[in-house]
């Protein structure tokens, strides 16, 4: 899937989210989106990097300590 394909997938999901709200105003959407996208992103990247945090951090463009903090927040490591 290309970058554009991912973007289209997110857009379609958001449109569906608004349809499901049926006129109810959303709250805290930014934080919700970061949470629902960040965890699977970290899971997949860590698996592809053979759970090597330094490599995964490099791929994500993050500092290793920042990646570690995010992994802990999402309970992906102890």
N, C-alpha and C. Protein backbone atom coordinates (compact mmCIF):
# COMPACT_ATOMS: atom_id res chain seq x y z
N UNK A 1 0.85 -1.17 0.00
CA UNK A 1 0.00 0.00 0.00
C UNK A 1 0.90 1.23 0.00
N UNK A 2 0.57 2.17 -0.82
CA UNK A 2 1.36 3.39 -0.92
C UNK A 2 0.97 4.38 0.18
N UNK A 3 1.76 5.42 0.30
CA UNK A 3 1.47 6.50 1.24
C UNK A 3 0.08 7.07 0.97
N UNK A 4 -0.25 7.22 -0.31
CA UNK A 4 -1.57 7.74 -0.68
C UNK A 4 -2.67 6.76 -0.26
N UNK A 5 -2.40 5.45 -0.39
CA UNK A 5 -3.38 4.45 0.01
C UNK A 5 -3.66 4.50 1.50
N UNK A 6 -2.62 4.70 2.29
CA UNK A 6 -2.80 4.82 3.74
C UNK A 6 -3.62 6.06 4.05
N UNK A 7 -3.30 7.16 3.38
CA UNK A 7 -4.02 8.41 3.58
C UNK A 7 -5.50 8.23 3.25
N UNK A 8 -5.79 7.55 2.14
CA UNK A 8 -7.18 7.32 1.75
C UNK A 8 -7.91 6.44 2.76
N UNK A 9 -7.22 5.46 3.29
CA UNK A 9 -7.79 4.57 4.30
C UNK A 9 -8.17 5.36 5.55
N UNK A 10 -7.29 6.24 5.99
CA UNK A 10 -7.56 7.06 7.16
C UNK A 10 -8.74 7.99 6.88
N UNK A 11 -8.76 8.60 5.71
CA UNK A 11 -9.84 9.51 5.36
C UNK A 11 -11.19 8.78 5.35
N UNK A 12 -11.24 7.62 4.74
CA UNK A 12 -12.47 6.84 4.71
C UNK A 12 -12.92 6.44 6.11
N UNK A 13 -11.97 6.08 6.96
CA UNK A 13 -12.29 5.71 8.34
C UNK A 13 -12.87 6.89 9.10
N UNK A 14 -12.31 8.07 8.89
CA UNK A 14 -12.82 9.27 9.56
C UNK A 14 -14.22 9.63 9.06
N UNK A 15 -14.44 9.49 7.77
CA UNK A 15 -15.77 9.76 7.24
C UNK A 15 -16.79 8.80 7.84
N UNK A 16 -16.43 7.54 7.97
CA UNK A 16 -17.29 6.54 8.60
C UNK A 16 -17.53 6.89 10.07
N UNK A 17 -16.49 7.33 10.75
CA UNK A 17 -16.60 7.74 12.16
C UNK A 17 -17.65 8.84 12.31
N UNK A 18 -17.59 9.85 11.43
CA UNK A 18 -18.56 10.95 11.50
C UNK A 18 -19.97 10.47 11.16
N UNK A 19 -20.10 9.56 10.21
CA UNK A 19 -21.42 8.99 9.91
C UNK A 19 -21.98 8.27 11.14
N UNK A 20 -21.12 7.50 11.80
CA UNK A 20 -21.56 6.76 12.98
C UNK A 20 -21.97 7.67 14.13
N UNK A 21 -21.41 8.87 14.19
CA UNK A 21 -21.78 9.82 15.24
C UNK A 21 -23.20 10.35 15.05
N UNK A 22 -23.70 10.31 13.82
CA UNK A 22 -25.07 10.75 13.50
C UNK A 22 -25.38 12.14 14.07
N UNK A 23 -24.47 13.08 13.81
CA UNK A 23 -24.70 14.47 14.21
C UNK A 23 -24.17 14.83 15.58
N UNK A 24 -23.80 13.86 16.39
CA UNK A 24 -23.22 14.15 17.69
C UNK A 24 -21.83 14.75 17.46
N UNK A 25 -21.54 15.83 18.18
CA UNK A 25 -20.24 16.47 18.01
C UNK A 25 -19.14 15.65 18.69
N UNK A 26 -18.04 15.42 17.97
CA UNK A 26 -16.93 14.67 18.56
C UNK A 26 -16.14 15.54 19.54
N UNK A 27 -15.36 14.88 20.37
CA UNK A 27 -14.48 15.59 21.31
C UNK A 27 -13.17 14.82 21.39
N UNK A 28 -12.09 15.54 21.48
CA UNK A 28 -10.79 14.91 21.67
C UNK A 28 -10.34 14.06 20.50
N UNK A 29 -10.71 14.47 19.30
CA UNK A 29 -10.40 13.67 18.11
C UNK A 29 -8.91 13.54 17.85
N UNK A 30 -8.16 14.58 18.07
CA UNK A 30 -6.73 14.52 17.78
C UNK A 30 -6.07 13.44 18.62
N UNK A 31 -6.31 13.48 19.92
CA UNK A 31 -5.72 12.49 20.82
C UNK A 31 -6.21 11.09 20.47
N UNK A 32 -7.48 10.96 20.14
CA UNK A 32 -8.02 9.65 19.76
C UNK A 32 -7.30 9.12 18.53
N UNK A 33 -7.12 9.95 17.52
CA UNK A 33 -6.46 9.51 16.30
C UNK A 33 -5.01 9.13 16.54
N UNK A 34 -4.32 9.92 17.32
CA UNK A 34 -2.92 9.59 17.62
C UNK A 34 -2.86 8.24 18.31
N UNK A 35 -3.74 8.00 19.26
CA UNK A 35 -3.75 6.73 19.99
C UNK A 35 -4.06 5.55 19.08
N UNK A 36 -5.11 5.66 18.25
CA UNK A 36 -5.51 4.50 17.45
C UNK A 36 -4.54 4.21 16.31
N UNK A 37 -3.79 5.20 15.88
CA UNK A 37 -2.82 4.99 14.80
C UNK A 37 -1.45 4.62 15.37
N UNK A 38 -1.08 5.25 16.48
CA UNK A 38 0.26 5.07 17.03
C UNK A 38 0.52 3.63 17.49
N UNK A 39 -0.42 3.02 18.18
CA UNK A 39 -0.17 1.68 18.71
C UNK A 39 0.07 0.65 17.60
N UNK A 40 -0.81 0.54 16.58
CA UNK A 40 -0.52 -0.43 15.53
C UNK A 40 0.75 -0.07 14.75
N UNK A 41 1.04 1.20 14.60
CA UNK A 41 2.28 1.61 13.94
C UNK A 41 3.48 1.07 14.70
N UNK A 42 3.47 1.25 16.01
CA UNK A 42 4.58 0.77 16.83
C UNK A 42 4.67 -0.75 16.81
N UNK A 43 3.53 -1.43 16.88
CA UNK A 43 3.53 -2.89 16.86
C UNK A 43 4.15 -3.43 15.57
N UNK A 44 3.73 -2.89 14.45
CA UNK A 44 4.21 -3.38 13.15
C UNK A 44 5.68 -3.04 12.96
N UNK A 45 6.07 -1.82 13.27
CA UNK A 45 7.47 -1.42 13.08
C UNK A 45 8.38 -2.24 14.00
N UNK A 46 7.97 -2.44 15.23
CA UNK A 46 8.79 -3.25 16.14
C UNK A 46 8.94 -4.68 15.63
N UNK A 47 7.87 -5.25 15.12
CA UNK A 47 7.94 -6.62 14.57
C UNK A 47 8.87 -6.66 13.36
N UNK A 48 8.75 -5.68 12.47
CA UNK A 48 9.59 -5.64 11.28
C UNK A 48 11.06 -5.41 11.62
N UNK A 49 11.30 -4.71 12.73
CA UNK A 49 12.67 -4.44 13.18
C UNK A 49 13.17 -5.52 14.12
N UNK A 50 12.48 -6.65 14.17
CA UNK A 50 12.85 -7.75 15.07
C UNK A 50 12.99 -7.29 16.52
N UNK A 51 12.13 -6.36 16.91
CA UNK A 51 12.08 -5.82 18.28
C UNK A 51 13.36 -5.10 18.68
N UNK A 52 14.10 -4.65 17.70
CA UNK A 52 15.31 -3.86 17.94
C UNK A 52 14.88 -2.40 18.05
N UNK A 53 14.87 -1.88 19.27
CA UNK A 53 14.37 -0.53 19.51
C UNK A 53 15.19 0.54 18.80
N UNK A 54 16.49 0.36 18.72
CA UNK A 54 17.33 1.35 18.04
C UNK A 54 16.98 1.43 16.56
N UNK A 55 16.82 0.27 15.93
CA UNK A 55 16.47 0.23 14.51
C UNK A 55 15.07 0.81 14.30
N UNK A 56 14.12 0.41 15.13
CA UNK A 56 12.75 0.91 15.00
C UNK A 56 12.71 2.42 15.19
N UNK A 57 13.44 2.92 16.17
CA UNK A 57 13.48 4.37 16.41
C UNK A 57 14.03 5.09 15.19
N UNK A 58 15.07 4.54 14.60
CA UNK A 58 15.65 5.15 13.40
C UNK A 58 14.62 5.18 12.27
N UNK A 59 13.95 4.07 12.04
CA UNK A 59 12.94 4.00 10.97
C UNK A 59 11.82 5.01 11.20
N UNK A 60 11.45 5.19 12.47
CA UNK A 60 10.34 6.10 12.79
C UNK A 60 10.78 7.56 12.87
N UNK A 61 12.08 7.77 12.88
CA UNK A 61 12.58 9.15 13.02
C UNK A 61 12.43 9.67 14.44
N UNK A 62 12.51 8.75 15.40
CA UNK A 62 12.37 9.11 16.81
C UNK A 62 13.68 8.83 17.55
N UNK A 63 13.84 9.51 18.65
CA UNK A 63 14.91 9.19 19.59
C UNK A 63 14.54 7.86 20.24
N UNK A 64 15.51 7.00 20.52
CA UNK A 64 15.24 5.70 21.12
C UNK A 64 14.50 5.84 22.45
N UNK A 65 14.85 6.84 23.25
CA UNK A 65 14.16 7.04 24.53
C UNK A 65 12.70 7.43 24.33
N UNK A 66 12.43 8.21 23.30
CA UNK A 66 11.05 8.58 22.98
C UNK A 66 10.26 7.35 22.56
N UNK A 67 10.88 6.50 21.73
CA UNK A 67 10.22 5.27 21.31
C UNK A 67 9.93 4.40 22.53
N UNK A 68 10.90 4.26 23.39
CA UNK A 68 10.72 3.44 24.59
C UNK A 68 9.56 3.96 25.44
N UNK A 69 9.47 5.26 25.59
CA UNK A 69 8.38 5.88 26.36
C UNK A 69 7.02 5.54 25.73
N UNK A 70 6.95 5.63 24.41
CA UNK A 70 5.70 5.32 23.70
C UNK A 70 5.35 3.84 23.81
N UNK A 71 6.35 2.97 23.73
CA UNK A 71 6.11 1.54 23.89
C UNK A 71 5.56 1.23 25.29
N UNK A 72 6.09 1.90 26.29
CA UNK A 72 5.60 1.72 27.66
C UNK A 72 4.17 2.25 27.80
N UNK A 73 3.89 3.42 27.22
CA UNK A 73 2.55 4.01 27.28
C UNK A 73 1.49 3.09 26.69
N UNK A 74 1.87 2.40 25.61
CA UNK A 74 0.93 1.50 24.93
C UNK A 74 1.00 0.08 25.48
N UNK A 75 1.79 -0.10 26.53
CA UNK A 75 1.95 -1.41 27.17
C UNK A 75 2.46 -2.47 26.19
N UNK A 76 3.36 -2.04 25.30
CA UNK A 76 3.96 -2.96 24.35
C UNK A 76 5.25 -3.55 24.88
N UNK A 77 5.77 -2.95 25.94
CA UNK A 77 6.92 -3.49 26.68
C UNK A 77 6.65 -3.23 28.17
N UNK A 78 7.42 -3.92 28.98
CA UNK A 78 7.29 -3.70 30.45
C UNK A 78 8.48 -2.98 30.98
